[in-house]
Protein backbone atom coordinates (compact mmCIF):
# COMPACT_ATOMS: atom_id res chain seq x y z
CA LEU A 1 80.60 48.94 119.54
CA GLY A 2 81.90 45.40 119.99
CA GLU A 3 79.65 42.36 119.99
CA ILE A 4 75.92 43.11 120.04
CA LEU A 5 73.21 40.57 120.78
CA LEU A 6 70.61 39.73 118.15
CA PRO A 7 68.05 37.80 120.28
CA ARG A 8 67.16 34.32 119.08
CA ARG A 9 63.55 35.38 118.43
CA GLU A 10 64.91 38.00 115.99
CA MET A 11 67.22 35.71 114.03
CA PRO A 12 66.50 34.98 110.35
CA VAL A 13 65.07 31.55 109.53
CA GLU A 14 68.19 30.80 107.50
CA TRP A 15 71.60 32.21 108.36
CA VAL A 16 75.29 31.42 108.16
CA LEU A 17 78.32 32.72 110.01
CA GLU A 18 80.02 35.75 108.40
CA SER A 19 76.84 36.67 106.52
CA GLU A 20 75.54 40.25 106.84
CA VAL A 21 72.14 41.46 108.02
CA ASP A 22 70.71 44.97 108.31
CA VAL A 23 69.74 45.71 111.91
CA PHE A 24 68.54 48.57 114.10
CA ILE A 25 70.51 48.99 117.37
CA TYR A 26 69.04 50.36 120.58
CA LEU A 27 69.26 50.02 124.36
CA ASP A 28 67.06 47.43 126.06
CA SER A 29 65.36 47.89 129.45
CA GLU A 30 68.68 47.11 131.19
CA ASP A 31 70.65 49.59 129.04
CA ARG A 32 72.35 46.86 127.01
CA LEU A 33 72.88 47.29 123.29
CA VAL A 34 70.65 44.91 121.33
CA ALA A 35 69.91 44.51 117.64
CA THR A 36 66.64 43.92 115.84
CA LEU A 37 65.75 43.09 112.25
CA LYS A 38 62.63 45.26 112.62
CA GLN A 39 62.66 48.91 111.60
CA PRO A 40 60.93 51.39 113.89
CA ARG A 41 57.97 53.31 112.49
CA ILE A 42 59.97 56.51 112.97
CA MET A 43 63.76 56.60 112.75
CA PRO A 44 65.85 58.85 115.04
CA GLY A 45 65.95 62.36 113.58
CA GLU A 46 62.49 62.02 112.05
CA PHE A 47 59.00 63.34 112.81
CA GLY A 48 55.93 61.12 112.86
CA LYS A 49 52.74 60.11 114.62
CA LEU A 50 52.69 57.36 117.27
CA LYS A 51 50.12 55.96 119.72
CA CYS A 52 50.52 56.17 123.49
CA VAL A 53 50.24 52.67 124.99
CA ALA A 54 51.34 53.13 128.61
CA LEU A 55 51.86 55.71 131.36
CA THR A 56 54.44 55.32 134.14
CA GLY A 57 56.17 57.38 136.78
CA VAL A 58 58.86 58.49 134.32
CA GLY A 59 56.65 59.39 131.38
CA ALA A 60 54.57 57.93 128.57
CA PHE A 61 55.43 55.06 126.26
CA LEU A 62 54.64 54.97 122.54
CA ASP A 63 54.29 51.99 120.21
CA TRP A 64 56.93 52.44 117.50
CA GLY A 65 57.04 48.88 116.21
CA LEU A 66 59.90 47.47 118.33
CA PRO A 67 59.78 45.05 121.31
CA LYS A 68 60.65 47.94 123.64
CA ASP A 69 58.22 50.89 123.52
CA LEU A 70 59.55 54.43 123.08
CA LEU A 71 59.68 56.72 126.13
CA VAL A 72 58.44 60.31 126.14
CA PRO A 73 59.75 61.81 129.43
CA PHE A 74 57.42 64.20 131.24
CA ARG A 75 59.74 67.14 130.43
CA GLU A 76 59.32 66.37 126.71
CA GLN A 77 55.50 66.42 126.81
CA LYS A 78 53.85 69.69 125.78
CA VAL A 79 50.60 68.34 127.23
CA ARG A 80 50.22 65.25 129.38
CA MET A 81 49.69 62.22 127.17
CA GLU A 82 46.76 59.82 127.38
CA ILE A 83 46.66 56.10 126.58
CA GLY A 84 45.07 55.36 123.22
CA LYS A 85 45.71 58.79 121.71
CA THR A 86 48.22 59.46 118.93
CA TYR A 87 50.76 62.28 118.98
CA LEU A 88 53.13 63.92 116.51
CA VAL A 89 56.64 63.47 117.91
CA PHE A 90 60.32 63.82 117.05
CA VAL A 91 62.60 60.86 117.87
CA MET A 92 66.05 61.69 119.25
CA VAL A 93 68.89 60.50 121.45
CA ASP A 94 68.61 61.89 124.98
CA GLU A 95 71.88 63.69 125.83
CA LYS A 96 71.85 62.61 129.48
CA SER A 97 70.85 58.95 129.30
CA ARG A 98 71.97 58.27 125.68
CA ARG A 99 68.65 56.46 125.24
CA LEU A 100 66.30 56.94 122.32
CA VAL A 101 63.32 59.05 123.39
CA ALA A 102 60.55 61.05 121.74
CA THR A 103 59.36 64.62 122.29
CA THR A 104 56.21 66.53 121.39
CA ARG A 105 58.21 69.78 121.54
CA ILE A 106 58.88 69.45 117.83
CA ALA A 107 59.61 73.12 116.99
CA ARG A 108 62.95 72.83 118.80
CA HIS A 109 64.08 70.37 116.16
CA PHE A 110 63.31 72.28 112.98
CA ASP A 111 66.26 73.18 110.75
CA LEU A 112 66.74 76.95 111.15
CA SER A 113 69.46 77.26 108.52
CA PRO A 114 68.53 79.10 105.28
CA ALA A 115 66.43 76.83 103.08
CA GLU A 116 67.80 76.10 99.61
CA TYR A 117 64.54 75.37 97.81
CA ALA A 118 63.53 76.61 94.37
CA THR A 119 60.00 77.44 93.28
CA GLY A 120 58.40 74.30 91.89
CA ASP A 121 60.51 71.84 93.91
CA GLU A 122 58.54 68.74 94.94
CA VAL A 123 58.85 68.05 98.68
CA ASN A 124 57.57 65.68 101.37
CA LEU A 125 55.32 67.27 103.99
CA THR A 126 54.16 66.40 107.50
CA VAL A 127 51.29 68.54 108.78
CA PHE A 128 51.84 69.75 112.35
CA GLY A 129 49.43 72.61 112.99
CA LYS A 130 46.68 74.92 111.77
CA THR A 131 46.46 78.73 111.86
CA GLU A 132 44.04 81.33 110.51
CA MET A 133 46.21 81.51 107.38
CA GLY A 134 46.37 77.79 106.70
CA TYR A 135 48.29 74.68 107.70
CA LYS A 136 51.83 74.49 109.05
CA ALA A 137 53.93 71.64 107.71
CA ILE A 138 57.41 70.17 108.13
CA ILE A 139 59.24 70.14 104.79
CA ASN A 140 61.51 67.18 103.99
CA ASN A 141 61.79 66.36 107.69
CA ALA A 142 63.65 69.62 108.29
CA HIS A 143 62.17 73.08 107.70
CA SER A 144 58.81 74.57 108.62
CA GLY A 145 56.49 76.01 105.97
CA LEU A 146 52.92 77.20 105.38
CA ILE A 147 50.18 75.85 103.11
CA PHE A 148 47.70 78.71 102.58
CA GLY A 149 44.16 77.78 103.54
CA ASN A 150 42.59 79.04 100.30
CA GLU A 151 44.59 76.40 98.41
CA VAL A 152 43.46 73.47 100.57
CA PHE A 153 40.29 71.68 99.50
CA GLN A 154 40.32 68.94 102.12
CA GLU A 155 40.64 68.67 105.88
CA LEU A 156 44.21 67.90 106.94
CA SER A 157 45.10 66.25 110.24
CA GLN A 158 48.17 66.59 112.43
CA GLY A 159 50.85 64.10 111.45
CA GLU A 160 49.39 63.53 107.96
CA LYS A 161 52.08 62.98 105.35
CA LEU A 162 51.66 64.16 101.75
CA LYS A 163 53.43 65.58 98.71
CA GLY A 164 53.78 69.31 98.15
CA TRP A 165 55.50 71.91 96.00
CA ILE A 166 57.50 74.99 96.99
CA THR A 167 55.83 78.21 95.80
CA GLY A 168 58.38 80.60 97.29
CA VAL A 169 60.97 81.35 99.96
CA ARG A 170 60.43 84.83 101.41
CA ALA A 171 63.14 87.31 102.38
CA ASP A 172 62.48 86.57 106.07
CA GLY A 173 63.17 82.87 105.43
CA LYS A 174 59.54 81.73 105.64
CA ILE A 175 58.57 79.08 103.10
CA ASP A 176 55.28 78.91 101.19
CA ILE A 177 53.99 75.53 99.99
CA SER A 178 51.20 74.29 97.74
CA LEU A 179 49.58 70.86 97.59
CA HIS A 180 49.24 71.27 93.82
CA PRO A 181 51.99 71.08 91.19
CA PRO A 182 52.74 74.22 89.16
CA GLY A 183 51.59 74.87 85.60
CA ARG A 184 49.66 72.37 83.49
CA GLU A 185 50.25 69.60 86.05
CA ARG A 186 48.27 71.64 88.55
CA VAL A 187 45.36 72.05 86.13
CA ASP A 188 45.35 68.31 85.41
CA ASP A 189 45.36 67.58 89.14
CA LEU A 190 42.43 69.94 89.79
CA GLU A 191 40.50 68.50 86.84
CA LYS A 192 40.84 65.02 88.35
CA GLN A 193 39.64 66.27 91.74
CA ILE A 194 36.61 68.03 90.21
CA MET A 195 35.67 65.00 88.08
CA GLY A 196 36.06 62.73 91.10
CA GLU A 197 33.75 64.95 93.15
CA LEU A 198 31.14 65.14 90.34
CA ILE A 199 31.16 61.36 89.88
CA ALA A 200 30.90 60.78 93.64
CA ARG A 201 27.81 63.03 93.77
CA GLY A 202 26.18 61.37 90.80
């Protein structure tokens, strides 16, 4: 990529020539490559929740922790965004402009290849929806799965991140998830929840 500017305001307090630093590279408002020592709240290729901080003629802008806010073009908004509200998005490189952008059309970016999970596998979950059967969640930033409602003892919100366990992969490829570990671990976990609730209620 050649030489890339690390702005003076971003430079470490102490530095020497030939030393190495970890940076994140992106395009500034004039489409120049710049580096930052900051890490965005969501990396490209990941799902997460961000707040809308501005609306313009080209789309909405989200605060993702970098000097330049993240654009969500109008075509990538399932519903028109509003300032102050948070949205679950997927961060990607726009094929036309080569800029980093976000989209609320997250289902397009799920991994549709056969999932290689085994029953009992611990996974990372991001909740993205609710149905009559339960909550839909993104598994390990890739596949979509379902947490059955009768196994959820708390209200979950869109974009919430939590741990889960695979309870099965069906013949049609759909994945079932639980918020509780299998076996004795699950009993221990439920015992803690029950005791916590009893103590809280006196």
